[in-house]
N, C-alpha and C. Protein backbone atom coordinates (compact mmCIF):
# COMPACT_ATOMS: atom_id res chain seq x y z
N MET A 1 157.19 129.16 175.20
CA MET A 1 157.21 128.16 174.15
C MET A 1 157.11 126.79 174.80
N ALA A 2 158.21 126.19 175.13
CA ALA A 2 158.21 124.86 175.73
C ALA A 2 158.88 124.92 177.10
N ASP A 3 158.21 124.40 178.08
CA ASP A 3 158.79 124.40 179.42
C ASP A 3 159.88 123.36 179.57
N ASN A 4 159.87 122.36 178.68
CA ASN A 4 160.86 121.30 178.79
C ASN A 4 161.15 120.68 177.42
N LYS A 5 162.11 119.82 177.41
CA LYS A 5 162.57 119.18 176.18
C LYS A 5 161.45 118.39 175.50
N GLU A 6 160.67 117.66 176.27
CA GLU A 6 159.61 116.82 175.70
C GLU A 6 158.57 117.66 174.97
N GLU A 7 158.20 118.81 175.54
CA GLU A 7 157.24 119.70 174.88
C GLU A 7 157.82 120.28 173.59
N ALA A 8 159.11 120.60 173.61
CA ALA A 8 159.76 121.13 172.41
C ALA A 8 159.77 120.09 171.30
N VAL A 9 160.06 118.84 171.63
CA VAL A 9 160.06 117.77 170.62
C VAL A 9 158.66 117.57 170.07
N LYS A 10 157.67 117.57 170.92
CA LYS A 10 156.28 117.39 170.49
C LYS A 10 155.87 118.51 169.52
N ALA A 11 156.21 119.75 169.86
CA ALA A 11 155.89 120.88 168.99
C ALA A 11 156.63 120.79 167.66
N ALA A 12 157.88 120.36 167.68
CA ALA A 12 158.66 120.22 166.45
C ALA A 12 158.05 119.13 165.55
N ARG A 13 157.68 118.00 166.13
CA ARG A 13 157.06 116.92 165.35
C ARG A 13 155.77 117.39 164.69
N LYS A 14 154.95 118.10 165.45
CA LYS A 14 153.68 118.60 164.93
C LYS A 14 153.93 119.58 163.78
N ASP A 15 154.89 120.49 163.96
CA ASP A 15 155.20 121.47 162.93
C ASP A 15 155.72 120.81 161.66
N LEU A 16 156.66 119.87 161.82
CA LEU A 16 157.23 119.22 160.64
C LEU A 16 156.16 118.42 159.88
N ALA A 17 155.32 117.71 160.60
CA ALA A 17 154.25 116.95 159.95
C ALA A 17 153.37 117.88 159.12
N ALA A 18 153.00 119.03 159.68
CA ALA A 18 152.17 119.99 158.96
C ALA A 18 152.89 120.54 157.73
N ARG A 19 154.17 120.86 157.86
CA ARG A 19 154.93 121.41 156.73
C ARG A 19 155.06 120.39 155.59
N LEU A 20 155.21 119.13 155.96
CA LEU A 20 155.40 118.09 154.94
C LEU A 20 154.09 117.46 154.47
N GLY A 21 153.00 117.75 155.17
CA GLY A 21 151.72 117.18 154.80
C GLY A 21 151.62 115.69 155.10
N VAL A 22 152.23 115.27 156.21
CA VAL A 22 152.21 113.87 156.62
C VAL A 22 151.64 113.79 158.04
N SER A 23 151.34 112.58 158.49
CA SER A 23 150.86 112.41 159.86
C SER A 23 152.03 112.52 160.83
N GLU A 24 151.73 112.90 162.06
CA GLU A 24 152.79 113.00 163.07
C GLU A 24 153.46 111.66 163.29
N GLY A 25 152.74 110.56 163.07
CA GLY A 25 153.31 109.23 163.23
C GLY A 25 154.40 108.92 162.22
N GLU A 26 154.41 109.64 161.11
CA GLU A 26 155.44 109.43 160.09
C GLU A 26 156.72 110.21 160.39
N VAL A 27 156.68 111.08 161.38
CA VAL A 27 157.84 111.87 161.78
C VAL A 27 158.53 111.15 162.93
N LYS A 28 159.75 110.76 162.72
CA LYS A 28 160.51 110.00 163.72
C LYS A 28 161.57 110.87 164.40
N GLU A 29 161.78 110.62 165.66
CA GLU A 29 162.81 111.32 166.42
C GLU A 29 164.14 110.60 166.21
N GLU A 30 165.12 111.31 165.66
CA GLU A 30 166.46 110.73 165.49
C GLU A 30 167.30 110.95 166.74
N SER A 31 167.32 112.20 167.22
CA SER A 31 168.09 112.51 168.43
C SER A 31 167.65 113.84 169.01
N VAL A 32 167.89 113.98 170.30
CA VAL A 32 167.65 115.23 171.00
C VAL A 32 168.82 115.40 171.95
N GLU A 33 169.51 116.52 171.84
CA GLU A 33 170.67 116.73 172.70
C GLU A 33 170.72 118.18 173.16
N GLN A 34 171.25 118.36 174.35
CA GLN A 34 171.45 119.71 174.85
C GLN A 34 172.57 120.34 174.03
N ALA A 35 172.41 121.64 173.73
CA ALA A 35 173.40 122.32 172.91
C ALA A 35 173.51 123.78 173.32
N ASP A 36 174.68 124.34 173.08
CA ASP A 36 174.90 125.78 173.26
C ASP A 36 174.94 126.40 171.88
N PHE A 37 174.17 127.48 171.69
CA PHE A 37 174.09 128.16 170.41
C PHE A 37 174.76 129.53 170.52
N PRO A 38 175.27 130.08 169.42
CA PRO A 38 176.09 131.29 169.48
C PRO A 38 175.33 132.60 169.73
N ASP A 39 173.99 132.56 169.66
CA ASP A 39 173.24 133.81 169.81
C ASP A 39 171.82 133.54 170.29
N ALA A 40 171.07 134.61 170.51
CA ALA A 40 169.70 134.48 171.01
C ALA A 40 168.75 133.87 169.99
N ALA A 41 169.17 133.83 168.72
CA ALA A 41 168.37 133.21 167.67
C ALA A 41 168.73 131.73 167.50
N LEU A 42 169.46 131.19 168.44
CA LEU A 42 169.87 129.78 168.45
C LEU A 42 170.68 129.40 167.20
N GLY A 43 171.40 130.37 166.67
CA GLY A 43 172.20 130.10 165.48
C GLY A 43 171.37 129.88 164.23
N ALA A 44 170.09 130.26 164.29
CA ALA A 44 169.17 130.08 163.16
C ALA A 44 168.35 131.36 162.94
N PRO A 45 169.03 132.49 162.67
CA PRO A 45 168.29 133.75 162.52
C PRO A 45 167.42 133.75 161.25
N LEU A 46 166.33 134.49 161.34
CA LEU A 46 165.49 134.69 160.17
C LEU A 46 166.16 135.73 159.29
N LYS A 47 165.81 135.76 158.04
CA LYS A 47 166.41 136.73 157.12
C LYS A 47 166.17 138.14 157.65
N GLY A 48 167.24 138.89 157.83
CA GLY A 48 167.17 140.26 158.31
C GLY A 48 167.00 140.42 159.81
N GLU A 49 166.91 139.32 160.54
CA GLU A 49 166.72 139.39 161.98
C GLU A 49 168.04 139.68 162.69
N MET A 50 167.97 140.54 163.69
CA MET A 50 169.13 140.79 164.53
C MET A 50 168.86 140.12 165.87
N SER A 51 169.89 139.53 166.45
CA SER A 51 169.71 138.88 167.75
C SER A 51 170.93 139.15 168.62
N GLY A 52 170.70 139.06 169.92
CA GLY A 52 171.77 139.28 170.87
C GLY A 52 172.87 138.25 170.73
N MET A 53 174.11 138.71 170.78
CA MET A 53 175.26 137.83 170.67
C MET A 53 175.64 137.33 172.06
N MET A 54 175.01 136.24 172.45
CA MET A 54 175.29 135.62 173.75
C MET A 54 175.03 134.13 173.62
N ILE A 55 175.75 133.36 174.35
CA ILE A 55 175.55 131.91 174.31
C ILE A 55 174.17 131.60 174.86
N SER A 56 173.39 130.84 174.08
CA SER A 56 172.05 130.42 174.50
C SER A 56 172.03 128.91 174.58
N THR A 57 171.60 128.39 175.70
CA THR A 57 171.53 126.95 175.89
C THR A 57 170.13 126.45 175.59
N GLY A 58 170.07 125.35 174.85
CA GLY A 58 168.78 124.77 174.49
C GLY A 58 168.96 123.34 174.02
N TRP A 59 168.13 122.94 173.06
CA TRP A 59 168.16 121.56 172.55
C TRP A 59 168.25 121.55 171.04
N ARG A 60 169.05 120.65 170.51
CA ARG A 60 169.10 120.39 169.08
C ARG A 60 168.26 119.13 168.86
N ILE A 61 167.21 119.27 168.08
CA ILE A 61 166.25 118.19 167.85
C ILE A 61 166.36 117.76 166.40
N ARG A 62 166.68 116.50 166.19
CA ARG A 62 166.78 115.97 164.83
C ARG A 62 165.64 114.99 164.61
N LEU A 63 164.86 115.29 163.56
CA LEU A 63 163.71 114.46 163.19
C LEU A 63 163.90 113.96 161.77
N SER A 64 163.19 112.91 161.41
CA SER A 64 163.24 112.43 160.04
C SER A 64 161.84 112.07 159.57
N ALA A 65 161.64 112.20 158.27
CA ALA A 65 160.39 111.83 157.62
C ALA A 65 160.68 111.66 156.13
N GLY A 66 160.09 110.64 155.54
CA GLY A 66 160.27 110.44 154.11
C GLY A 66 161.71 110.25 153.69
N GLY A 67 162.54 109.71 154.57
CA GLY A 67 163.93 109.45 154.23
C GLY A 67 164.84 110.67 154.33
N LYS A 68 164.35 111.79 154.83
CA LYS A 68 165.16 113.00 154.98
C LYS A 68 165.23 113.40 156.45
N SER A 69 166.32 114.08 156.81
CA SER A 69 166.51 114.55 158.18
C SER A 69 166.27 116.06 158.25
N TYR A 70 165.76 116.50 159.40
CA TYR A 70 165.46 117.90 159.64
C TYR A 70 165.94 118.27 161.04
N GLU A 71 166.37 119.52 161.18
CA GLU A 71 166.87 119.97 162.48
C GLU A 71 166.06 121.13 163.01
N TYR A 72 165.64 120.99 164.25
CA TYR A 72 165.00 122.07 165.00
C TYR A 72 165.94 122.47 166.11
N ARG A 73 165.81 123.71 166.54
CA ARG A 73 166.58 124.21 167.68
C ARG A 73 165.58 124.88 168.61
N ALA A 74 165.70 124.61 169.88
CA ALA A 74 164.72 125.13 170.83
C ALA A 74 165.37 125.51 172.15
N ASP A 75 164.68 126.39 172.85
CA ASP A 75 164.97 126.66 174.25
C ASP A 75 163.62 126.87 174.92
N ARG A 76 163.61 127.35 176.13
CA ARG A 76 162.34 127.52 176.84
C ARG A 76 161.47 128.63 176.26
N HIS A 77 161.99 129.43 175.34
CA HIS A 77 161.27 130.58 174.82
C HIS A 77 160.92 130.49 173.33
N GLN A 78 161.55 129.60 172.61
CA GLN A 78 161.34 129.57 171.16
C GLN A 78 161.69 128.22 170.56
N LEU A 79 161.16 128.01 169.35
CA LEU A 79 161.44 126.82 168.55
C LEU A 79 161.73 127.30 167.14
N ARG A 80 162.83 126.84 166.59
CA ARG A 80 163.21 127.25 165.23
C ARG A 80 163.54 126.03 164.38
N LEU A 81 163.12 126.09 163.13
CA LEU A 81 163.45 125.07 162.14
C LEU A 81 164.67 125.59 161.39
N TYR A 82 165.73 124.78 161.36
CA TYR A 82 167.03 125.20 160.85
C TYR A 82 167.24 124.72 159.41
N LYS A 83 167.47 125.68 158.52
CA LYS A 83 167.81 125.41 157.11
C LYS A 83 166.83 124.46 156.43
N PHE A 84 165.55 124.77 156.53
CA PHE A 84 164.51 124.02 155.84
C PHE A 84 164.31 124.66 154.48
N LYS A 85 164.62 123.92 153.44
CA LYS A 85 164.52 124.44 152.06
C LYS A 85 165.29 125.75 151.92
N GLY A 86 166.46 125.81 152.59
CA GLY A 86 167.35 126.94 152.45
C GLY A 86 167.08 128.13 153.35
N ALA A 87 166.10 128.01 154.26
CA ALA A 87 165.79 129.14 155.14
C ALA A 87 165.54 128.65 156.57
N ASN A 88 165.62 129.57 157.51
CA ASN A 88 165.30 129.29 158.91
C ASN A 88 163.90 129.81 159.20
N TYR A 89 163.21 129.15 160.11
CA TYR A 89 161.84 129.53 160.46
C TYR A 89 161.67 129.54 161.96
N ARG A 90 160.93 130.52 162.46
CA ARG A 90 160.55 130.54 163.86
C ARG A 90 159.14 129.96 163.94
N VAL A 91 158.97 128.94 164.74
CA VAL A 91 157.69 128.25 164.84
C VAL A 91 156.84 128.93 165.90
């Protein structure tokens, strides 16, 4: 997925812009922080997904667009959109 934090943020911005139908320039970075998540799904499992119960270290990426905030969770292997319109998504 992303070899580093910067690539993860870039991928998250691109994904959010596409989901919202806006330009990437309209998606702003609020914060990016290292975080420990409770499982291999980064605490954002898909409906019906099972994941290993182990601490996974990655990044919590907060973006904003159109006056709303959105959260992505990433590590070197995956990027997930957390609670977007009531559901989690693997990007």
